[in-house]
Protein backbone atom coordinates (compact mmCIF):
# COMPACT_ATOMS: atom_id res chain seq x y z
CA UNK A 1 -2.76 -9.93 -16.00
CA UNK A 2 -2.29 -12.66 -13.40
CA UNK A 3 -0.28 -15.81 -13.85
CA UNK A 4 0.96 -18.66 -11.75
CA UNK A 5 4.54 -18.40 -10.58
CA UNK A 6 6.68 -20.56 -8.32
CA UNK A 7 7.81 -17.58 -6.27
CA UNK A 8 10.01 -18.23 -3.24
CA UNK A 9 7.81 -20.82 -1.58
CA UNK A 10 7.08 -24.45 -2.28
CA UNK A 11 3.59 -23.58 -3.53
CA UNK A 12 2.82 -21.56 -6.65
CA UNK A 13 1.52 -18.08 -6.00
CA UNK A 14 -0.42 -15.68 -8.17
CA UNK A 15 1.68 -12.76 -9.34
CA UNK A 16 0.07 -9.65 -10.78
CA UNK A 17 2.02 -8.49 -13.84
CA UNK A 18 1.33 -4.86 -14.79
CA UNK A 19 -0.27 -4.66 -18.25
CA UNK A 20 2.58 -2.53 -19.60
CA UNK A 21 5.04 -5.28 -18.70
CA UNK A 22 2.88 -8.31 -19.44
CA UNK A 23 4.10 -10.65 -22.19
CA UNK A 24 1.41 -13.28 -22.84
CA UNK A 25 3.73 -15.19 -25.19
CA UNK A 26 6.16 -15.84 -22.32
CA UNK A 27 3.40 -17.00 -20.02
CA UNK A 28 1.92 -19.27 -22.73
CA UNK A 29 4.92 -20.59 -24.69
CA UNK A 30 7.76 -20.58 -22.14
CA UNK A 31 6.69 -22.78 -19.20
CA UNK A 32 8.70 -21.95 -16.12
CA UNK A 33 11.23 -24.53 -14.97
CA UNK A 34 12.92 -24.68 -11.56
CA UNK A 35 15.92 -26.80 -10.67
CA UNK A 36 14.99 -29.33 -7.94
CA UNK A 37 18.02 -28.20 -5.90
CA UNK A 38 16.52 -24.71 -5.54
CA UNK A 39 15.43 -24.83 -1.84
CA UNK A 40 18.92 -25.95 -0.80
CA UNK A 41 20.45 -23.46 -3.24
CA UNK A 42 18.64 -20.57 -1.58
CA UNK A 43 19.81 -21.72 1.86
CA UNK A 44 23.44 -22.20 0.77
CA UNK A 45 23.72 -18.90 -1.10
CA UNK A 46 22.25 -17.04 1.85
CA UNK A 47 24.91 -18.66 4.08
CA UNK A 48 27.63 -17.85 1.52
CA UNK A 49 26.68 -14.15 1.46
CA UNK A 50 27.06 -14.10 5.24
CA UNK A 51 30.29 -16.10 5.30
CA UNK A 52 31.92 -13.86 2.68
CA UNK A 53 30.60 -10.69 4.35
CA UNK A 54 29.01 -9.55 1.12
CA UNK A 55 25.87 -8.28 2.86
CA UNK A 56 25.34 -7.37 6.53
CA UNK A 57 23.55 -10.07 8.51
CA UNK A 58 20.49 -7.89 8.98
CA UNK A 59 20.22 -7.22 5.24
CA UNK A 60 20.61 -10.92 4.44
CA UNK A 61 17.92 -11.83 6.96
CA UNK A 62 15.46 -9.22 5.77
CA UNK A 63 16.07 -9.07 2.03
CA UNK A 64 18.11 -11.97 0.58
CA UNK A 65 15.26 -14.40 -0.08
CA UNK A 66 12.95 -11.67 -1.38
CA UNK A 67 15.56 -10.50 -3.88
CA UNK A 68 15.14 -13.89 -5.58
CA UNK A 69 18.72 -14.10 -6.89
CA UNK A 70 18.75 -17.89 -6.50
CA UNK A 71 15.34 -18.19 -8.17
CA UNK A 72 16.77 -16.50 -11.26
CA UNK A 73 19.62 -18.99 -11.63
CA UNK A 74 17.58 -22.05 -10.58
CA UNK A 75 15.11 -21.16 -13.32
CA UNK A 76 17.87 -20.82 -15.92
CA UNK A 77 20.50 -23.55 -15.62
CA UNK A 78 18.07 -26.37 -14.91
CA UNK A 79 20.32 -29.11 -16.33
CA UNK A 80 23.31 -28.21 -14.14
CA UNK A 81 24.75 -30.53 -11.50
CA UNK A 82 23.99 -29.25 -8.00
CA UNK A 83 27.56 -28.10 -7.32
CA UNK A 84 27.71 -26.29 -10.65
CA UNK A 85 24.43 -24.51 -10.01
CA UNK A 86 25.61 -23.56 -6.51
CA UNK A 87 28.80 -21.99 -7.88
CA UNK A 88 26.83 -20.12 -10.53
CA UNK A 89 24.23 -18.90 -8.03
CA UNK A 90 26.88 -17.63 -5.61
CA UNK A 91 28.68 -15.89 -8.47
CA UNK A 92 25.38 -14.35 -9.61
CA UNK A 93 24.61 -13.11 -6.09
CA UNK A 94 28.11 -11.62 -5.97
CA UNK A 95 27.44 -9.91 -9.32
CA UNK A 96 24.35 -8.17 -7.94
CA UNK A 97 26.27 -7.02 -4.85
CA UNK A 98 29.08 -5.74 -7.08
CA UNK A 99 26.54 -3.87 -9.20
CA UNK A 100 25.21 -2.23 -6.02
CA UNK A 101 28.72 -1.25 -4.86
CA UNK A 102 29.39 0.27 -8.28
CA UNK A 103 26.17 2.28 -7.94
CA UNK A 104 27.00 3.47 -4.43
CA UNK A 105 30.56 4.47 -5.46
CA UNK A 106 29.00 6.66 -8.14
CA UNK A 107 26.28 8.11 -5.93
CA UNK A 108 28.72 8.94 -3.14
CA UNK A 109 31.51 10.20 -5.42
CA UNK A 110 34.19 7.57 -4.73
CA UNK A 111 36.20 7.30 -7.97
CA UNK A 112 39.42 6.26 -6.22
CA UNK A 113 37.64 3.45 -4.37
CA UNK A 114 36.06 2.29 -7.63
CA UNK A 115 39.41 2.27 -9.47
CA UNK A 116 41.03 0.23 -6.70
CA UNK A 117 38.19 -2.27 -6.79
CA UNK A 118 38.33 -2.50 -10.59
CA UNK A 119 42.06 -3.22 -10.57
CA UNK A 120 41.74 -5.83 -7.82
CA UNK A 121 38.98 -7.61 -9.72
CA UNK A 122 41.12 -7.78 -12.86
CA UNK A 123 43.96 -9.43 -10.95
CA UNK A 124 41.65 -11.73 -8.97
CA UNK A 125 40.08 -12.92 -12.21
CA UNK A 126 43.48 -14.16 -13.42
CA UNK A 127 44.75 -15.43 -10.06
CA UNK A 128 41.74 -16.15 -7.83
CA UNK A 129 43.66 -18.36 -5.38
CA UNK A 130 45.87 -15.38 -4.47
CA UNK A 131 42.87 -13.24 -3.45
CA UNK A 132 40.79 -15.55 -1.26
CA UNK A 133 41.77 -13.59 1.86
CA UNK A 134 41.67 -10.10 0.35
CA UNK A 135 40.64 -7.38 2.81
CA UNK A 136 37.81 -6.22 0.54
CA UNK A 137 35.01 -8.76 0.89
CA UNK A 138 33.88 -8.05 -2.66
CA UNK A 139 37.29 -9.11 -3.99
CA UNK A 140 37.65 -12.22 -1.81
CA UNK A 141 34.07 -13.29 -2.56
CA UNK A 142 34.71 -12.86 -6.29
CA UNK A 143 37.91 -14.88 -6.04
CA UNK A 144 36.09 -17.70 -4.26
CA UNK A 145 33.26 -17.87 -6.79
CA UNK A 146 35.58 -17.68 -9.81
CA UNK A 147 37.93 -20.33 -8.38
CA UNK A 148 34.97 -22.69 -8.11
CA UNK A 149 33.72 -21.91 -11.62
CA UNK A 150 37.21 -22.62 -12.97
CA UNK A 151 37.11 -26.16 -11.51
CA UNK A 152 34.53 -27.63 -13.87
CA UNK A 153 35.93 -27.35 -17.40
CA UNK A 154 39.39 -27.17 -19.06
CA UNK A 155 41.72 -24.17 -18.93
CA UNK A 156 40.59 -23.11 -22.40
CA UNK A 157 37.10 -22.45 -21.05
CA UNK A 158 38.55 -20.64 -18.03
CA UNK A 159 40.62 -18.38 -20.27
CA UNK A 160 37.55 -17.54 -22.38
CA UNK A 161 35.48 -16.77 -19.28
CA UNK A 162 38.28 -14.54 -17.95
CA UNK A 163 38.60 -12.73 -21.27
CA UNK A 164 34.88 -12.06 -21.34
CA UNK A 165 34.76 -10.85 -17.74
CA UNK A 166 37.77 -8.55 -18.12
CA UNK A 167 35.66 -6.83 -20.81
CA UNK A 168 32.70 -6.64 -18.39
CA UNK A 169 34.84 -4.92 -15.75
CA UNK A 170 36.05 -2.34 -18.28
CA UNK A 171 32.46 -1.76 -19.42
CA UNK A 172 31.46 -1.05 -15.83
CA UNK A 173 34.29 1.48 -15.74
CA UNK A 174 32.91 3.19 -18.85
CA UNK A 175 29.50 3.27 -17.21
CA UNK A 176 31.08 4.80 -14.10
CA UNK A 177 32.52 7.62 -16.18
CA UNK A 178 29.30 8.17 -18.10
CA UNK A 179 27.23 8.42 -14.93
CA UNK A 180 29.77 10.62 -13.18
CA UNK A 181 29.83 13.01 -16.14
CA UNK A 182 26.09 12.76 -16.82
CA UNK A 183 26.69 11.37 -20.33
CA UNK A 184 23.79 9.49 -21.88
CA UNK A 185 25.16 7.17 -24.59
CA UNK A 186 23.53 7.12 -28.01
CA UNK A 187 21.28 4.18 -28.76
CA UNK A 188 23.98 2.30 -30.67
CA UNK A 189 26.62 3.08 -28.04
CA UNK A 190 24.24 1.92 -25.36
CA UNK A 191 23.38 -1.36 -27.09
CA UNK A 192 27.07 -2.21 -27.45
CA UNK A 193 27.82 -1.28 -23.84
CA UNK A 194 24.77 -3.11 -22.52
CA UNK A 195 25.93 -6.40 -24.01
CA UNK A 196 28.95 -6.08 -21.75
CA UNK A 197 27.45 -4.63 -18.57
CA UNK A 198 24.70 -7.25 -18.70
CA UNK A 199 27.46 -9.84 -19.29
CA UNK A 200 25.80 -11.51 -22.28
CA UNK A 201 28.71 -13.80 -23.03
CA UNK A 202 29.35 -14.69 -19.39
CA UNK A 203 25.88 -16.16 -18.90
CA UNK A 204 26.23 -17.87 -22.27
CA UNK A 205 29.63 -19.31 -21.28
CA UNK A 206 28.04 -20.74 -18.13
CA UNK A 207 25.67 -22.83 -20.24
CA UNK A 208 28.63 -25.14 -20.89
CA UNK A 209 29.53 -26.26 -17.34
CA UNK A 210 25.77 -26.62 -16.86
CA UNK A 211 25.73 -29.01 -19.82
CA UNK A 212 28.85 -30.75 -18.52
CA UNK A 213 31.18 -30.04 -21.43
CA UNK A 214 33.06 -27.32 -23.26
CA UNK A 215 31.70 -26.67 -26.75
CA UNK A 216 34.22 -26.37 -29.60
CA UNK A 217 34.49 -23.10 -31.52
CA UNK A 218 32.74 -24.68 -34.50
CA UNK A 219 29.64 -25.13 -32.34
CA UNK A 220 29.73 -21.92 -30.30
CA UNK A 221 30.33 -19.81 -33.41
CA UNK A 222 27.70 -21.52 -35.49
CA UNK A 223 25.43 -18.66 -36.66
CA UNK A 224 22.19 -20.25 -35.47
CA UNK A 225 23.60 -21.13 -32.02
CA UNK A 226 25.13 -17.70 -31.58
CA UNK A 227 21.94 -15.96 -32.71
CA UNK A 228 19.79 -17.90 -30.25
CA UNK A 229 22.23 -17.16 -27.43
CA UNK A 230 22.32 -13.45 -28.25
CA UNK A 231 18.53 -13.17 -28.52
CA UNK A 232 18.02 -14.76 -25.10
CA UNK A 233 20.41 -12.25 -23.57
CA UNK A 234 19.08 -9.23 -25.48
CA UNK A 235 15.59 -10.12 -24.30
CA UNK A 236 16.81 -10.18 -20.70
CA UNK A 237 18.74 -6.92 -20.93
CA UNK A 238 15.96 -4.99 -22.64
CA UNK A 239 13.19 -6.42 -20.48
CA UNK A 240 15.30 -5.37 -17.50
CA UNK A 241 15.48 -1.87 -18.98
CA UNK A 242 11.72 -1.84 -19.41
CA UNK A 243 11.11 -2.89 -15.80
CA UNK A 244 13.85 -0.79 -14.20
CA UNK A 245 13.13 2.45 -16.05
CA UNK A 246 11.16 3.99 -13.10
CA UNK A 247 13.94 3.05 -10.67
CA UNK A 248 16.64 4.45 -12.95
CA UNK A 249 14.78 7.66 -13.72
CA UNK A 250 14.35 8.15 -9.95
CA UNK A 251 18.08 7.61 -9.46
CA UNK A 252 19.11 10.01 -12.26
CA UNK A 253 20.56 7.11 -14.21
CA UNK A 254 21.91 7.53 -17.75
CA UNK A 255 22.13 3.85 -18.76
CA UNK A 256 18.82 2.52 -19.99
CA UNK A 257 17.66 1.94 -23.53
CA UNK A 258 14.55 4.01 -22.82
CA UNK A 259 16.64 6.94 -21.58
CA UNK A 260 18.88 6.82 -24.68
CA UNK A 261 15.80 6.80 -26.92
CA UNK A 262 14.33 9.81 -25.10
CA UNK A 263 17.55 11.85 -25.10
CA UNK A 264 18.97 11.02 -28.53
CA UNK A 265 15.94 10.02 -30.60
CA UNK A 266 13.53 12.62 -29.22
CA UNK A 267 10.93 10.08 -28.10
CA UNK A 268 8.46 10.78 -25.35
CA UNK A 269 8.48 8.50 -22.32
CA UNK A 270 5.46 6.65 -23.65
CA UNK A 271 7.06 6.24 -27.10
CA UNK A 272 10.32 5.03 -25.58
CA UNK A 273 8.50 2.43 -23.50
CA UNK A 274 6.64 1.24 -26.62
CA UNK A 275 9.92 1.04 -28.58
CA UNK A 276 11.69 -1.02 -25.90
CA UNK A 277 8.68 -3.29 -25.56
CA UNK A 278 8.65 -3.86 -29.33
CA UNK A 279 12.33 -4.85 -29.24
CA UNK A 280 11.65 -7.24 -26.37
CA UNK A 281 8.76 -8.89 -28.22
CA UNK A 282 10.84 -9.18 -31.38
CA UNK A 283 13.55 -11.04 -29.43
CA UNK A 284 10.95 -13.62 -28.41
CA UNK A 285 9.58 -14.24 -31.90
CA UNK A 286 13.04 -14.36 -33.48
CA UNK A 287 14.25 -16.77 -30.80
CA UNK A 288 11.40 -19.17 -31.57
CA UNK A 289 12.62 -19.27 -35.20
CA UNK A 290 16.30 -19.55 -34.20
CA UNK A 291 15.43 -22.35 -31.78
CA UNK A 292 14.27 -24.54 -34.64
CA UNK A 293 17.48 -23.85 -36.55
CA UNK A 294 19.60 -24.85 -33.53
CA UNK A 295 17.63 -28.06 -33.08
CA UNK A 296 18.36 -28.96 -36.71
CA UNK A 297 22.03 -28.08 -36.11
CA UNK A 298 22.11 -30.36 -33.06
CA UNK A 299 20.56 -33.18 -35.08
CA UNK A 300 23.34 -32.76 -37.63
CA UNK A 301 26.02 -32.96 -34.95
CA UNK A 302 24.62 -36.30 -33.77
CA UNK A 303 26.35 -38.32 -36.50
CA UNK A 304 26.27 -41.70 -34.79
CA UNK A 305 29.64 -41.35 -33.10
CA UNK A 306 30.03 -41.04 -29.34
CA UNK A 307 31.49 -37.54 -29.72
CA UNK A 308 28.76 -36.45 -32.08
CA UNK A 309 26.06 -37.74 -29.79
CA UNK A 310 27.57 -35.89 -26.82
CA UNK A 311 27.91 -32.63 -28.75
CA UNK A 312 24.35 -32.86 -30.03
CA UNK A 313 23.06 -33.48 -26.49
CA UNK A 314 25.14 -30.59 -25.10
CA UNK A 315 23.76 -28.18 -27.70
CA UNK A 316 20.19 -29.26 -26.90
CA UNK A 317 20.88 -28.73 -23.20
CA UNK A 318 22.33 -25.26 -23.80
CA UNK A 319 19.41 -24.35 -26.05
CA UNK A 320 16.89 -25.57 -23.49
CA UNK A 321 18.51 -23.36 -20.87
CA UNK A 322 18.53 -20.39 -23.25
CA UNK A 323 14.77 -20.94 -23.50
CA UNK A 324 14.55 -21.10 -19.70
CA UNK A 325 16.17 -17.66 -19.48
CA UNK A 326 13.08 -16.01 -20.97
CA UNK A 327 10.67 -17.23 -18.31
CA UNK A 328 13.18 -16.98 -15.46
CA UNK A 329 14.03 -13.36 -16.26
CA UNK A 330 10.38 -12.48 -16.80
CA UNK A 331 9.18 -13.76 -13.42
CA UNK A 332 12.27 -12.53 -11.59
CA UNK A 333 11.38 -8.95 -12.46
CA UNK A 334 7.92 -9.34 -10.92
CA UNK A 335 8.97 -11.26 -7.81
CA UNK A 336 12.25 -9.65 -6.81
CA UNK A 337 12.33 -6.81 -4.30
CA UNK A 338 15.05 -5.33 -6.48
CA UNK A 339 12.42 -3.74 -8.72
CA UNK A 340 9.70 -2.83 -6.22
CA UNK A 341 10.62 0.85 -6.22
CA UNK A 342 7.22 2.02 -5.03
CA UNK A 343 7.72 0.19 -1.72
CA UNK A 344 11.04 1.89 -0.92
CA UNK A 345 11.30 4.81 1.52
CA UNK A 346 13.66 6.52 -0.93
CA UNK A 347 13.12 5.62 -4.60
CA UNK A 348 16.79 6.37 -5.37
CA UNK A 349 18.24 4.24 -2.53
CA UNK A 350 17.50 0.52 -2.54
CA UNK A 351 16.84 -0.69 1.03
CA UNK A 352 18.92 -3.85 0.54
CA UNK A 353 22.22 -2.06 -0.20
CA UNK A 354 24.88 -1.41 2.41
CA UNK A 355 24.74 2.35 2.14
CA UNK A 356 26.95 2.89 5.16
CA UNK A 357 29.93 0.83 4.05
CA UNK A 358 32.16 3.88 3.63
CA UNK A 359 30.67 6.01 6.36
CA UNK A 360 27.61 7.30 4.52
CA UNK A 361 24.45 7.83 6.51
């Protein structure tokens, strides 16, 4: 199937979506949005990656735009102020680089290096200002992005974000051990771990600075709001698994819903792909129902008071961006060089990673 996509140019381009990965409902019912700041965002994040030494200059020049990291965020948080979106996009780009370092530490057998990095990230998360000049660029870049994210909302939001990301770091550590030991988690273990390694609640937290206000617990924990938020993230995580399965099989990965289904449920590759696709499609249909519930919830919050009107508007903004996540994630997986495994010289070694950072050749 072919569909129009914004891509990384000012003019829409036609992207061929493989039939096995095509979701007509996304292309029909989830029109793609793109924040008007996106061209500047791409330029600024590229410069930030260079300034913070997160990718070598040659890698930034050759691969940064084609990886489409800024496209993903500009298609998600479309209501955000420019400076908020810039902080989120830089943090997101950092996250991808961190994910690549984690992978390389596993591939090259560097458990001590990984543990040092993990501990530094925990401390930088709580005291980012103290780590802006850290010798490890991944730590100093993280500190810079977190410090900026902490500047938008009250300390209560910052503490929640930190709590959620501490859990993400520990989940990455569990994944490190699983991959090192060759342990494929069961389906239920995987689903629980995936909600952390994909950072479900981090991306959900970031809806709030994008909307310009912190939501009270009574709103965030409302069942319909929480369900819609979870479904948007589950869709993204499982669609990622569907698209990255060839890459992860080539790299002897153990963390993918399809791999858990094959190993622990006895499914064939074809059956596992069909199962994951069914879960992805179910997320979409259930979100469309949950969306209506959240809209009714937002209407109820708008009780005629100034506070009620603001809360209702913030919930609608967050919900609209949850909806954006479906189309942004979908197109990202078909535009980003991160998933074009067939074009790599070595299917197990992404060409955009710094594979020589610790002396590897």
